[in-house]
Amino acid sequence: MLFSESMKKTNDFLNVYRNGKSYADKNIVIYVWKNEGSRNKLGISCSKKVGNSVVRHRFARLVRESYRLHEDIFNSGLDIVVVARACAKDANFFDIEKSVLSLAGKARIMKNGGDL
């Protein structure tokens, strides 16, 4: 990810959960909060209810890759947390990519108003 970094600290996640706005569909929930920096921070959360470690890591890889491919169309200066829902374990790459892009459009965090 050229323009982004990973969110790793628990306090960063909690700040986004408490102060950010959430958008959801059947596969994922996205929390968005504006940060003071010029780079985006992407955090991925997946509980044990979704599946074992293989399933959770696969979900994280799919989200990271779908974000990386479309990173240039996101506005900068955002903290974004992607949370898996239970049915995300059966989703393929295209389902996750569609969910990420549609929720980013709803959140209006894409350049040029969210139109692709």
PDB file of N, CA and C in Angstrom:
ATOM      1  N   MET A   1       0.852  -1.172   0.000  1.00  0.00           N
ATOM      2  CA  MET A   1       0.000   0.000   0.000  1.00  0.00           C
ATOM      3  C   MET A   1       0.899   1.236   0.000  1.00  0.00           C
ATOM      4  N   LEU A   2       0.816   1.993  -1.041  1.00  0.00           N
ATOM      5  CA  LEU A   2       1.680   3.155  -1.197  1.00  0.00           C
ATOM      6  C   LEU A   2       1.269   4.332  -0.334  1.00  0.00           C
ATOM      7  N   PHE A   3      -0.035   4.611  -0.276  1.00  0.00           N
ATOM      8  CA  PHE A   3      -0.525   5.821   0.380  1.00  0.00           C
ATOM      9  C   PHE A   3      -1.109   5.545   1.756  1.00  0.00           C
ATOM     10  N   SER A   4      -0.980   4.328   2.235  1.00  0.00           N
ATOM     11  CA  SER A   4      -1.629   3.939   3.483  1.00  0.00           C
ATOM     12  C   SER A   4      -0.677   3.153   4.362  1.00  0.00           C
ATOM     13  N   GLU A   5      -1.095   2.998   5.610  1.00  0.00           N
ATOM     14  CA  GLU A   5      -0.358   2.158   6.539  1.00  0.00           C
ATOM     15  C   GLU A   5      -1.367   1.342   7.335  1.00  0.00           C
ATOM     16  N   SER A   6      -0.874   0.324   8.006  1.00  0.00           N
ATOM     17  CA  SER A   6      -1.748  -0.540   8.792  1.00  0.00           C
ATOM     18  C   SER A   6      -2.023   0.071  10.153  1.00  0.00           C
ATOM     19  N   MET A   7      -3.223  -0.150  10.631  1.00  0.00           N
ATOM     20  CA  MET A   7      -3.588   0.273  11.977  1.00  0.00           C
ATOM     21  C   MET A   7      -3.322  -0.919  12.892  1.00  0.00           C
ATOM     22  N   LYS A   8      -2.517  -0.715  13.919  1.00  0.00           N
ATOM     23  CA  LYS A   8      -2.121  -1.819  14.779  1.00  0.00           C
ATOM     24  C   LYS A   8      -2.484  -1.617  16.246  1.00  0.00           C
ATOM     25  N   LYS A   9      -2.566  -0.405  16.696  1.00  0.00           N
ATOM     26  CA  LYS A   9      -2.773  -0.130  18.121  1.00  0.00           C
ATOM     27  C   LYS A   9      -4.256  -0.208  18.484  1.00  0.00           C
ATOM     28  N   THR A  10      -4.529  -0.792  19.635  1.00  0.00           N
ATOM     29  CA  THR A  10      -5.896  -0.946  20.120  1.00  0.00           C
ATOM     30  C   THR A  10      -6.571   0.409  20.307  1.00  0.00           C
ATOM     31  N   ASN A  11      -5.816   1.389  20.786  1.00  0.00           N
ATOM     32  CA  ASN A  11      -6.402   2.717  20.991  1.00  0.00           C
ATOM     33  C   ASN A  11      -6.849   3.353  19.684  1.00  0.00           C
ATOM     34  N   ASP A  12      -6.134   3.086  18.594  1.00  0.00           N
ATOM     35  CA  ASP A  12      -6.548   3.603  17.291  1.00  0.00           C
ATOM     36  C   ASP A  12      -7.880   2.982  16.861  1.00  0.00           C
ATOM     37  N   PHE A  13      -8.006   1.667  17.057  1.00  0.00           N
ATOM     38  CA  PHE A  13      -9.258   0.993  16.730  1.00  0.00           C
ATOM     39  C   PHE A  13     -10.406   1.547  17.574  1.00  0.00           C
ATOM     40  N   LEU A  14     -10.178   1.675  18.882  1.00  0.00           N
ATOM     41  CA  LEU A  14     -11.221   2.164  19.778  1.00  0.00           C
ATOM     42  C   LEU A  14     -11.638   3.585  19.424  1.00  0.00           C
ATOM     43  N   ASN A  15     -10.691   4.428  19.038  1.00  0.00           N
ATOM     44  CA  ASN A  15     -11.003   5.791  18.636  1.00  0.00           C
ATOM     45  C   ASN A  15     -11.929   5.807  17.418  1.00  0.00           C
ATOM     46  N   VAL A  16     -11.644   4.953  16.450  1.00  0.00           N
ATOM     47  CA  VAL A  16     -12.484   4.892  15.247  1.00  0.00           C
ATOM     48  C   VAL A  16     -13.858   4.336  15.591  1.00  0.00           C
ATOM     49  N   TYR A  17     -13.919   3.305  16.436  1.00  0.00           N
ATOM     50  CA  TYR A  17     -15.212   2.734  16.826  1.00  0.00           C
ATOM     51  C   TYR A  17     -16.078   3.764  17.552  1.00  0.00           C
ATOM     52  N   ARG A  18     -15.470   4.526  18.453  1.00  0.00           N
ATOM     53  CA  ARG A  18     -16.236   5.480  19.268  1.00  0.00           C
ATOM     54  C   ARG A  18     -16.646   6.722  18.488  1.00  0.00           C
ATOM     55  N   ASN A  19     -15.734   7.256  17.687  1.00  0.00           N
ATOM     56  CA  ASN A  19     -15.970   8.546  17.046  1.00  0.00           C
ATOM     57  C   ASN A  19     -16.378   8.458  15.582  1.00  0.00           C
ATOM     58  N   GLY A  20     -16.062   7.350  14.943  1.00  0.00           N
ATOM     59  CA  GLY A  20     -16.306   7.233  13.511  1.00  0.00           C
ATOM     60  C   GLY A  20     -17.749   6.901  13.182  1.00  0.00           C
ATOM     61  N   LYS A  21     -18.035   6.946  11.902  1.00  0.00           N
ATOM     62  CA  LYS A  21     -19.366   6.617  11.399  1.00  0.00           C
ATOM     63  C   LYS A  21     -19.281   5.236  10.762  1.00  0.00           C
ATOM     64  N   SER A  22     -20.334   4.436  10.915  1.00  0.00           N
ATOM     65  CA  SER A  22     -20.299   3.064  10.407  1.00  0.00           C
ATOM     66  C   SER A  22     -21.253   2.885   9.235  1.00  0.00           C
ATOM     67  N   TYR A  23     -20.857   1.990   8.347  1.00  0.00           N
ATOM     68  CA  TYR A  23     -21.650   1.625   7.180  1.00  0.00           C
ATOM     69  C   TYR A  23     -21.556   0.112   7.051  1.00  0.00           C
ATOM     70  N   ALA A  24     -22.671  -0.541   6.751  1.00  0.00           N
ATOM     71  CA  ALA A  24     -22.673  -1.999   6.778  1.00  0.00           C
ATOM     72  C   ALA A  24     -23.427  -2.589   5.594  1.00  0.00           C
ATOM     73  N   ASP A  25     -23.032  -3.799   5.235  1.00  0.00           N
ATOM     74  CA  ASP A  25     -23.805  -4.642   4.325  1.00  0.00           C
ATOM     75  C   ASP A  25     -23.721  -6.069   4.861  1.00  0.00           C
ATOM     76  N   LYS A  26     -24.061  -7.061   4.050  1.00  0.00           N
ATOM     77  CA  LYS A  26     -24.138  -8.416   4.596  1.00  0.00           C
ATOM     78  C   LYS A  26     -22.782  -9.037   4.916  1.00  0.00           C
ATOM     79  N   ASN A  27     -21.708  -8.573   4.265  1.00  0.00           N
ATOM     80  CA  ASN A  27     -20.392  -9.165   4.486  1.00  0.00           C
ATOM     81  C   ASN A  27     -19.532  -8.423   5.488  1.00  0.00           C
ATOM     82  N   ILE A  28     -19.550  -7.091   5.446  1.00  0.00           N
ATOM     83  CA  ILE A  28     -18.623  -6.313   6.267  1.00  0.00           C
ATOM     84  C   ILE A  28     -19.296  -5.077   6.851  1.00  0.00           C
ATOM     85  N   VAL A  29     -18.629  -4.516   7.846  1.00  0.00           N
ATOM     86  CA  VAL A  29     -18.975  -3.212   8.415  1.00  0.00           C
ATOM     87  C   VAL A  29     -17.726  -2.352   8.300  1.00  0.00           C
ATOM     88  N   ILE A  30     -17.896  -1.118   7.825  1.00  0.00           N
ATOM     89  CA  ILE A  30     -16.771  -0.191   7.704  1.00  0.00           C
ATOM     90  C   ILE A  30     -16.997   0.982   8.640  1.00  0.00           C
ATOM     91  N   TYR A  31     -15.985   1.287   9.442  1.00  0.00           N
ATOM     92  CA  TYR A  31     -15.987   2.473  10.294  1.00  0.00           C
ATOM     93  C   TYR A  31     -14.999   3.462   9.696  1.00  0.00           C
ATOM     94  N   VAL A  32     -15.399   4.733   9.596  1.00  0.00           N
ATOM     95  CA  VAL A  32     -14.556   5.756   8.988  1.00  0.00           C
ATOM     96  C   VAL A  32     -14.440   6.936   9.935  1.00  0.00           C
ATOM     97  N   TRP A  33     -13.209   7.435  10.103  1.00  0.00           N
ATOM     98  CA  TRP A  33     -12.944   8.595  10.942  1.00  0.00           C
ATOM     99  C   TRP A  33     -11.825   9.388  10.305  1.00  0.00           C
ATOM    100  N   LYS A  34     -11.963  10.699  10.260  1.00  0.00           N
ATOM    101  CA  LYS A  34     -10.911  11.542   9.693  1.00  0.00           C
ATOM    102  C   LYS A  34      -9.777  11.687  10.695  1.00  0.00           C
ATOM    103  N   ASN A  35      -8.537  11.455  10.237  1.00  0.00           N
ATOM    104  CA  ASN A  35      -7.382  11.645  11.114  1.00  0.00           C
ATOM    105  C   ASN A  35      -6.689  12.953  10.758  1.00  0.00           C
ATOM    106  N   GLU A  36      -5.681  13.311  11.528  1.00  0.00           N
ATOM    107  CA  GLU A  36      -4.992  14.577  11.314  1.00  0.00           C
ATOM    108  C   GLU A  36      -3.889  14.467  10.273  1.00  0.00           C
ATOM    109  N   GLY A  37      -3.542  13.271   9.852  1.00  0.00           N
ATOM    110  CA  GLY A  37      -2.442  13.065   8.924  1.00  0.00           C
ATOM    111  C   GLY A  37      -2.870  13.162   7.470  1.00  0.00           C
ATOM    112  N   SER A  38      -1.918  12.917   6.596  1.00  0.00           N
ATOM    113  CA  SER A  38      -2.196  12.960   5.170  1.00  0.00           C
ATOM    114  C   SER A  38      -2.294  11.558   4.574  1.00  0.00           C
ATOM    115  N   ARG A  39      -2.068  10.538   5.402  1.00  0.00           N
ATOM    116  CA  ARG A  39      -2.126   9.155   4.931  1.00  0.00           C
ATOM    117  C   ARG A  39      -3.327   8.455   5.543  1.00  0.00           C
ATOM    118  N   ASN A  40      -3.801   7.439   4.861  1.00  0.00           N
ATOM    119  CA  ASN A  40      -4.877   6.609   5.392  1.00  0.00           C
ATOM    120  C   ASN A  40      -4.281   5.519   6.274  1.00  0.00           C
ATOM    121  N   LYS A  41      -5.077   5.099   7.266  1.00  0.00           N
ATOM    122  CA  LYS A  41      -4.720   3.940   8.080  1.00  0.00           C
ATOM    123  C   LYS A  41      -5.843   2.925   7.925  1.00  0.00           C
ATOM    124  N   LEU A  42      -5.482   1.694   7.562  1.00  0.00           N
ATOM    125  CA  LEU A  42      -6.454   0.636   7.358  1.00  0.00           C
ATOM    126  C   LEU A  42      -6.310  -0.392   8.464  1.00  0.00           C
ATOM    127  N   GLY A  43      -7.418  -0.656   9.158  1.00  0.00           N
ATOM    128  CA  GLY A  43      -7.443  -1.683  10.187  1.00  0.00           C
ATOM    129  C   GLY A  43      -8.450  -2.749   9.807  1.00  0.00           C
ATOM    130  N   ILE A  44      -8.135  -4.000  10.081  1.00  0.00           N
ATOM    131  CA  ILE A  44      -9.017  -5.118   9.737  1.00  0.00           C
ATOM    132  C   ILE A  44      -9.265  -5.910  11.008  1.00  0.00           C
ATOM    133  N   SER A  45     -10.538  -6.160  11.293  1.00  0.00           N
ATOM    134  CA  SER A  45     -10.917  -6.892  12.496  1.00  0.00           C
ATOM    135  C   SER A  45     -11.816  -8.059  12.106  1.00  0.00           C
ATOM    136  N   CYS A  46     -11.511  -9.223  12.654  1.00  0.00           N
ATOM    137  CA  CYS A  46     -12.273 -10.431  12.325  1.00  0.00           C
ATOM    138  C   CYS A  46     -12.291 -11.318  13.572  1.00  0.00           C
ATOM    139  N   SER A  47     -13.471 -11.531  14.134  1.00  0.00           N
ATOM    140  CA  SER A  47     -13.550 -12.281  15.384  1.00  0.00           C
ATOM    141  C   SER A  47     -13.532 -13.791  15.131  1.00  0.00           C
ATOM    142  N   LYS A  48     -13.404 -14.538  16.197  1.00  0.00           N
ATOM    143  CA  LYS A  48     -13.380 -15.990  16.096  1.00  0.00           C
ATOM    144  C   LYS A  48     -14.734 -16.566  15.697  1.00  0.00           C
ATOM    145  N   LYS A  49     -15.786 -15.768  15.807  1.00  0.00           N
ATOM    146  CA  LYS A  49     -17.112 -16.224  15.383  1.00  0.00           C
ATOM    147  C   LYS A  49     -17.169 -16.442  13.879  1.00  0.00           C
ATOM    148  N   VAL A  50     -16.288 -15.762  13.143  1.00  0.00           N
ATOM    149  CA  VAL A  50     -16.277 -15.883  11.685  1.00  0.00           C
ATOM    150  C   VAL A  50     -15.686 -17.220  11.266  1.00  0.00           C
ATOM    151  N   GLY A  51     -14.657 -17.685  11.954  1.00  0.00           N
ATOM    152  CA  GLY A  51     -14.056 -18.964  11.596  1.00  0.00           C
ATOM    153  C   GLY A  51     -12.717 -19.140  12.272  1.00  0.00           C
ATOM    154  N   ASN A  52     -12.010 -20.190  11.863  1.00  0.00           N
ATOM    155  CA  ASN A  52     -10.699 -20.442  12.449  1.00  0.00           C
ATOM    156  C   ASN A  52      -9.666 -19.482  11.875  1.00  0.00           C
ATOM    157  N   SER A  53      -8.419 -19.640  12.258  1.00  0.00           N
ATOM    158  CA  SER A  53      -7.392 -18.673  11.876  1.00  0.00           C
ATOM    159  C   SER A  53      -7.164 -18.626  10.368  1.00  0.00           C
ATOM    160  N   VAL A  54      -7.341 -19.742   9.698  1.00  0.00           N
ATOM    161  CA  VAL A  54      -7.169 -19.775   8.251  1.00  0.00           C
ATOM    162  C   VAL A  54      -8.234 -18.905   7.568  1.00  0.00           C
ATOM    163  N   VAL A  55      -9.455 -19.033   8.011  1.00  0.00           N
ATOM    164  CA  VAL A  55     -10.563 -18.256   7.440  1.00  0.00           C
ATOM    165  C   VAL A  55     -10.390 -16.772   7.756  1.00  0.00           C
ATOM    166  N   ARG A  56     -10.013 -16.456   8.986  1.00  0.00           N
ATOM    167  CA  ARG A  56      -9.841 -15.058   9.369  1.00  0.00           C
ATOM    168  C   ARG A  56      -8.699 -14.410   8.602  1.00  0.00           C
ATOM    169  N   HIS A  57      -7.601 -15.120   8.437  1.00  0.00           N
ATOM    170  CA  HIS A  57      -6.470 -14.565   7.703  1.00  0.00           C
ATOM    171  C   HIS A  57      -6.810 -14.400   6.219  1.00  0.00           C
ATOM    172  N   ARG A  58      -7.567 -15.323   5.668  1.00  0.00           N
ATOM    173  CA  ARG A  58      -8.000 -15.206   4.276  1.00  0.00           C
ATOM    174  C   ARG A  58      -8.850 -13.961   4.092  1.00  0.00           C
ATOM    175  N   PHE A  59      -9.761 -13.708   5.035  1.00  0.00           N
ATOM    176  CA  PHE A  59     -10.583 -12.495   4.965  1.00  0.00           C
ATOM    177  C   PHE A  59      -9.703 -11.249   4.989  1.00  0.00           C
ATOM    178  N   ALA A  60      -8.734 -11.214   5.878  1.00  0.00           N
ATOM    179  CA  ALA A  60      -7.842 -10.055   5.975  1.00  0.00           C
ATOM    180  C   ALA A  60      -7.063  -9.849   4.684  1.00  0.00           C
ATOM    181  N   ARG A  61      -6.594 -10.940   4.076  1.00  0.00           N
ATOM    182  CA  ARG A  61      -5.868 -10.823   2.806  1.00  0.00           C
ATOM    183  C   ARG A  61      -6.767 -10.288   1.703  1.00  0.00           C
ATOM    184  N   LEU A  62      -8.012 -10.752   1.654  1.00  0.00           N
ATOM    185  CA  LEU A  62      -8.945 -10.293   0.626  1.00  0.00           C
ATOM    186  C   LEU A  62      -9.260  -8.810   0.781  1.00  0.00           C
ATOM    187  N   VAL A  63      -9.475  -8.367   2.005  1.00  0.00           N
ATOM    188  CA  VAL A  63      -9.760  -6.948   2.243  1.00  0.00           C
ATOM    189  C   VAL A  63      -8.545  -6.105   1.889  1.00  0.00           C
ATOM    190  N   ARG A  64      -7.372  -6.526   2.323  1.00  0.00           N
ATOM    191  CA  ARG A  64      -6.154  -5.773   2.047  1.00  0.00           C
ATOM    192  C   ARG A  64      -5.899  -5.659   0.547  1.00  0.00           C
ATOM    193  N   GLU A  65      -6.128  -6.733  -0.185  1.00  0.00           N
ATOM    194  CA  GLU A  65      -5.896  -6.712  -1.625  1.00  0.00           C
ATOM    195  C   GLU A  65      -6.926  -5.861  -2.354  1.00  0.00           C
ATOM    196  N   SER A  66      -8.183  -5.941  -1.954  1.00  0.00           N
ATOM    197  CA  SER A  66      -9.202  -5.120  -2.611  1.00  0.00           C
ATOM    198  C   SER A  66      -8.967  -3.638  -2.333  1.00  0.00           C
ATOM    199  N   TYR A  67      -8.485  -3.319  -1.129  1.00  0.00           N
ATOM    200  CA  TYR A  67      -8.146  -1.928  -0.831  1.00  0.00           C
ATOM    201  C   TYR A  67      -6.916  -1.492  -1.632  1.00  0.00           C
ATOM    202  N   ARG A  68      -5.908  -2.347  -1.716  1.00  0.00           N
ATOM    203  CA  ARG A  68      -4.675  -2.005  -2.421  1.00  0.00           C
ATOM    204  C   ARG A  68      -4.923  -1.724  -3.903  1.00  0.00           C
ATOM    205  N   LEU A  69      -5.783  -2.511  -4.523  1.00  0.00           N
ATOM    206  CA  LEU A  69      -6.057  -2.331  -5.943  1.00  0.00           C
ATOM    207  C   LEU A  69      -6.763  -1.015  -6.241  1.00  0.00           C
ATOM    208  N   HIS A  70      -7.537  -0.525  -5.289  1.00  0.00           N
ATOM    209  CA  HIS A  70      -8.318   0.697  -5.499  1.00  0.00           C
ATOM    210  C   HIS A  70      -7.866   1.828  -4.585  1.00  0.00           C
ATOM    211  N   GLU A  71      -6.654   1.736  -4.071  1.00  0.00           N
ATOM    212  CA  GLU A  71      -6.160   2.695  -3.087  1.00  0.00           C
ATOM    213  C   GLU A  71      -6.134   4.126  -3.616  1.00  0.00           C
ATOM    214  N   ASP A  72      -5.877   4.280  -4.893  1.00  0.00           N
ATOM    215  CA  ASP A  72      -5.750   5.620  -5.457  1.00  0.00           C
ATOM    216  C   ASP A  72      -7.065   6.369  -5.565  1.00  0.00           C
ATOM    217  N   ILE A  73      -8.205   5.693  -5.441  1.00  0.00           N
ATOM    218  CA  ILE A  73      -9.487   6.397  -5.552  1.00  0.00           C
ATOM    219  C   ILE A  73     -10.054   6.813  -4.192  1.00  0.00           C
ATOM    220  N   PHE A  74      -9.361   6.447  -3.090  1.00  0.00           N
ATOM    221  CA  PHE A  74      -9.819   6.841  -1.763  1.00  0.00           C
ATOM    222  C   PHE A  74      -9.257   8.214  -1.399  1.00  0.00           C
ATOM    223  N   ASN A  75     -10.050   9.013  -0.689  1.00  0.00           N
ATOM    224  CA  ASN A  75      -9.552  10.276  -0.150  1.00  0.00           C
ATOM    225  C   ASN A  75      -8.462   9.977   0.865  1.00  0.00           C
ATOM    226  N   SER A  76      -7.606  10.951   1.143  1.00  0.00           N
ATOM    227  CA  SER A  76      -6.528  10.731   2.103  1.00  0.00           C
ATOM    228  C   SER A  76      -6.883  11.358   3.447  1.00  0.00           C
ATOM    229  N   GLY A  77      -6.166  10.952   4.480  1.00  0.00           N
ATOM    230  CA  GLY A  77      -6.405  11.460   5.820  1.00  0.00           C
ATOM    231  C   GLY A  77      -7.538  10.767   6.535  1.00  0.00           C
ATOM    232  N   LEU A  78      -7.695   9.455   6.317  1.00  0.00           N
ATOM    233  CA  LEU A  78      -8.797   8.704   6.915  1.00  0.00           C
ATOM    234  C   LEU A  78      -8.274   7.520   7.716  1.00  0.00           C
ATOM    235  N   ASP A  79      -8.979   7.222   8.807  1.00  0.00           N
ATOM    236  CA  ASP A  79      -8.794   5.957   9.509  1.00  0.00           C
ATOM    237  C   ASP A  79      -9.974   5.076   9.112  1.00  0.00           C
ATOM    238  N   ILE A  80      -9.690   3.907   8.551  1.00  0.00           N
ATOM    239  CA  ILE A  80     -10.732   3.004   8.072  1.00  0.00           C
ATOM    240  C   ILE A  80     -10.561   1.667   8.778  1.00  0.00           C
ATOM    241  N   VAL A  81     -11.636   1.192   9.413  1.00  0.00           N
ATOM    242  CA  VAL A  81     -11.626  -0.126  10.036  1.00  0.00           C
ATOM    243  C   VAL A  81     -12.672  -0.987   9.346  1.00  0.00           C
ATOM    244  N   VAL A  82     -12.259  -2.156   8.878  1.00  0.00           N
ATOM    245  CA  VAL A  82     -13.156  -3.103   8.219  1.00  0.00           C
ATOM    246  C   VAL A  82     -13.367  -4.273   9.167  1.00  0.00           C
ATOM    247  N   VAL A  83     -14.636  -4.544   9.493  1.00  0.00           N
ATOM    248  CA  VAL A  83     -14.985  -5.616  10.427  1.00  0.00           C
ATOM    249  C   VAL A  83     -15.759  -6.687   9.667  1.00  0.00           C
ATOM    250  N   ALA A  84     -15.386  -7.941   9.858  1.00  0.00           N
ATOM    251  CA  ALA A  84     -16.039  -9.052   9.176  1.00  0.00           C
ATOM    252  C   ALA A  84     -17.339  -9.421   9.867  1.00  0.00           C
ATOM    253  N   ARG A  85     -18.319  -9.764   9.062  1.00  0.00           N
ATOM    254  CA  ARG A  85     -19.541 -10.367   9.578  1.00  0.00           C
ATOM    255  C   ARG A  85     -19.459 -11.873   9.345  1.00  0.00           C
ATOM    256  N   ALA A  86     -20.371 -12.621   9.956  1.00  0.00           N
ATOM    257  CA  ALA A  86     -20.286 -14.085   9.928  1.00  0.00           C
ATOM    258  C   ALA A  86     -20.345 -14.654   8.513  1.00  0.00           C
ATOM    259  N   CYS A  87     -21.143 -14.065   7.632  1.00  0.00           N
ATOM    260  CA  CYS A  87     -21.254 -14.630   6.283  1.00  0.00           C
ATOM    261  C   CYS A  87     -20.074 -14.260   5.392  1.00  0.00           C
ATOM    262  N   ALA A  88     -19.118 -13.484   5.895  1.00  0.00           N
ATOM    263  CA  ALA A  88     -17.931 -13.145   5.114  1.00  0.00           C
ATOM    264  C   ALA A  88     -17.026 -14.361   4.912  1.00  0.00           C
ATOM    265  N   LYS A  89     -17.195 -15.395   5.731  1.00  0.00           N
ATOM    266  CA  LYS A  89     -16.338 -16.568   5.580  1.00  0.00           C
ATOM    267  C   LYS A  89     -16.606 -17.305   4.274  1.00  0.00           C
ATOM    268  N   ASP A  90     -17.814 -17.163   3.726  1.00  0.00           N
ATOM    269  CA  ASP A  90     -18.165 -17.825   2.470  1.00  0.00           C
ATOM    270  C   ASP A  90     -17.971 -16.927   1.261  1.00  0.00           C
ATOM    271  N   ALA A  91     -17.592 -15.664   1.481  1.00  0.00           N
ATOM    272  CA  ALA A  91     -17.475 -14.705   0.385  1.00  0.00           C
ATOM    273  C   ALA A  91     -16.164 -14.897  -0.363  1.00  0.00           C
ATOM    274  N   ASN A  92     -16.218 -14.672  -1.678  1.00  0.00           N
ATOM    275  CA  ASN A  92     -14.994 -14.721  -2.469  1.00  0.00           C
ATOM    276  C   ASN A  92     -14.443 -13.308  -2.634  1.00  0.00           C
ATOM    277  N   PHE A  93     -13.354 -13.180  -3.393  1.00  0.00           N
ATOM    278  CA  PHE A  93     -12.699 -11.887  -3.540  1.00  0.00           C
ATOM    279  C   PHE A  93     -13.636 -10.843  -4.129  1.00  0.00           C
ATOM    280  N   PHE A  94     -14.409 -11.224  -5.131  1.00  0.00           N
ATOM    281  CA  PHE A  94     -15.264 -10.255  -5.808  1.00  0.00           C
ATOM    282  C   PHE A  94     -16.391  -9.757  -4.904  1.00  0.00           C
ATOM    283  N   ASP A  95     -16.891 -10.618  -4.020  1.00  0.00           N
ATOM    284  CA  ASP A  95     -17.904 -10.187  -3.047  1.00  0.00           C
ATOM    285  C   ASP A  95     -17.319  -9.168  -2.069  1.00  0.00           C
ATOM    286  N   ILE A  96     -16.124  -9.446  -1.567  1.00  0.00           N
ATOM    287  CA  ILE A  96     -15.479  -8.530  -0.622  1.00  0.00           C
ATOM    288  C   ILE A  96     -15.148  -7.207  -1.311  1.00  0.00           C
ATOM    289  N   GLU A  97     -14.626  -7.289  -2.522  1.00  0.00           N
ATOM    290  CA  GLU A  97     -14.279  -6.079  -3.270  1.00  0.00           C
ATOM    291  C   GLU A  97     -15.517  -5.224  -3.519  1.00  0.00           C
ATOM    292  N   LYS A  98     -16.605  -5.864  -3.913  1.00  0.00           N
ATOM    293  CA  LYS A  98     -17.860  -5.152  -4.155  1.00  0.00           C
ATOM    294  C   LYS A  98     -18.367  -4.495  -2.877  1.00  0.00           C
ATOM    295  N   SER A  99     -18.269  -5.190  -1.759  1.00  0.00           N
ATOM    296  CA  SER A  99     -18.708  -4.642  -0.478  1.00  0.00           C
ATOM    297  C   SER A  99     -17.861  -3.438  -0.068  1.00  0.00           C
ATOM    298  N   VAL A 100     -16.544  -3.557  -0.204  1.00  0.00           N
ATOM    299  CA  VAL A 100     -15.656  -2.458   0.178  1.00  0.00           C
ATOM    300  C   VAL A 100     -15.945  -1.221  -0.666  1.00  0.00           C
ATOM    301  N   LEU A 101     -16.077  -1.403  -1.965  1.00  0.00           N
ATOM    302  CA  LEU A 101     -16.293  -0.259  -2.848  1.00  0.00           C
ATOM    303  C   LEU A 101     -17.679   0.358  -2.668  1.00  0.00           C
ATOM    304  N   SER A 102     -18.692  -0.472  -2.477  1.00  0.00           N
ATOM    305  CA  SER A 102     -20.037   0.092  -2.308  1.00  0.00           C
ATOM    306  C   SER A 102     -20.162   0.841  -0.986  1.00  0.00           C
ATOM    307  N   LEU A 103     -19.562   0.313   0.083  1.00  0.00           N
ATOM    308  CA  LEU A 103     -19.625   1.008   1.364  1.00  0.00           C
ATOM    309  C   LEU A 103     -18.750   2.263   1.364  1.00  0.00           C
ATOM    310  N   ALA A 104     -17.655   2.239   0.628  1.00  0.00           N
ATOM    311  CA  ALA A 104     -16.842   3.454   0.490  1.00  0.00           C
ATOM    312  C   ALA A 104     -17.634   4.525  -0.260  1.00  0.00           C
ATOM    313  N   GLY A 105     -18.415   4.113  -1.233  1.00  0.00           N
ATOM    314  CA  GLY A 105     -19.274   5.062  -1.936  1.00  0.00           C
ATOM    315  C   GLY A 105     -20.347   5.631  -1.032  1.00  0.00           C
ATOM    316  N   LYS A 106     -20.941   4.783  -0.193  1.00  0.00           N
ATOM    317  CA  LYS A 106     -21.941   5.264   0.766  1.00  0.00           C
ATOM    318  C   LYS A 106     -21.329   6.236   1.762  1.00  0.00           C
ATOM    319  N   ALA A 107     -20.095   5.956   2.167  1.00  0.00           N
ATOM    320  CA  ALA A 107     -19.424   6.803   3.150  1.00  0.00           C
ATOM    321  C   ALA A 107     -18.858   8.074   2.521  1.00  0.00           C
ATOM    322  N   ARG A 108     -18.885   8.148   1.204  1.00  0.00           N
ATOM    323  CA  ARG A 108     -18.355   9.296   0.452  1.00  0.00           C
ATOM    324  C   ARG A 108     -16.883   9.543   0.768  1.00  0.00           C
ATOM    325  N   ILE A 109     -16.119   8.474   0.779  1.00  0.00           N
ATOM    326  CA  ILE A 109     -14.688   8.605   1.038  1.00  0.00           C
ATOM    327  C   ILE A 109     -13.862   8.355  -0.213  1.00  0.00           C
ATOM    328  N   MET A 110     -14.553   8.307  -1.354  1.00  0.00           N
ATOM    329  CA  MET A 110     -13.849   8.114  -2.622  1.00  0.00           C
ATOM    330  C   MET A 110     -13.735   9.427  -3.351  1.00  0.00           C
ATOM    331  N   LYS A 111     -12.637   9.597  -4.077  1.00  0.00           N
ATOM    332  CA  LYS A 111     -12.469  10.811  -4.870  1.00  0.00           C
ATOM    333  C   LYS A 111     -13.545  10.852  -5.933  1.00  0.00           C
ATOM    334  N   ASN A 112     -13.826  12.000  -6.453  1.00  0.00           N
ATOM    335  CA  ASN A 112     -14.861  12.283  -7.453  1.00  0.00           C
ATOM    336  C   ASN A 112     -16.245  11.783  -7.034  1.00  0.00           C
ATOM    337  N   GLY A 113     -16.546  11.887  -5.748  1.00  0.00           N
ATOM    338  CA  GLY A 113     -17.890  11.628  -5.255  1.00  0.00           C
ATOM    339  C   GLY A 113     -18.300  10.180  -5.162  1.00  0.00           C
ATOM    340  N   GLY A 114     -17.394   9.264  -5.326  1.00  0.00           N
ATOM    341  CA  GLY A 114     -17.736   7.866  -5.171  1.00  0.00           C
ATOM    342  C   GLY A 114     -18.124   7.171  -6.455  1.00  0.00           C
ATOM    343  N   ASP A 115     -18.078   7.846  -7.590  1.00  0.00           N
ATOM    344  CA  ASP A 115     -18.404   7.210  -8.859  1.00  0.00           C
ATOM    345  C   ASP A 115     -17.177   6.519  -9.411  1.00  0.00           C
ATOM    346  N   LEU A 116     -17.372   5.322  -9.939  1.00  0.00           N
ATOM    347  CA  LEU A 116     -16.255   4.598 -10.550  1.00  0.00           C
ATOM    348  C   LEU A 116     -16.246   4.806 -12.036  1.00  0.00           C
TER     349      LEU A 116
END
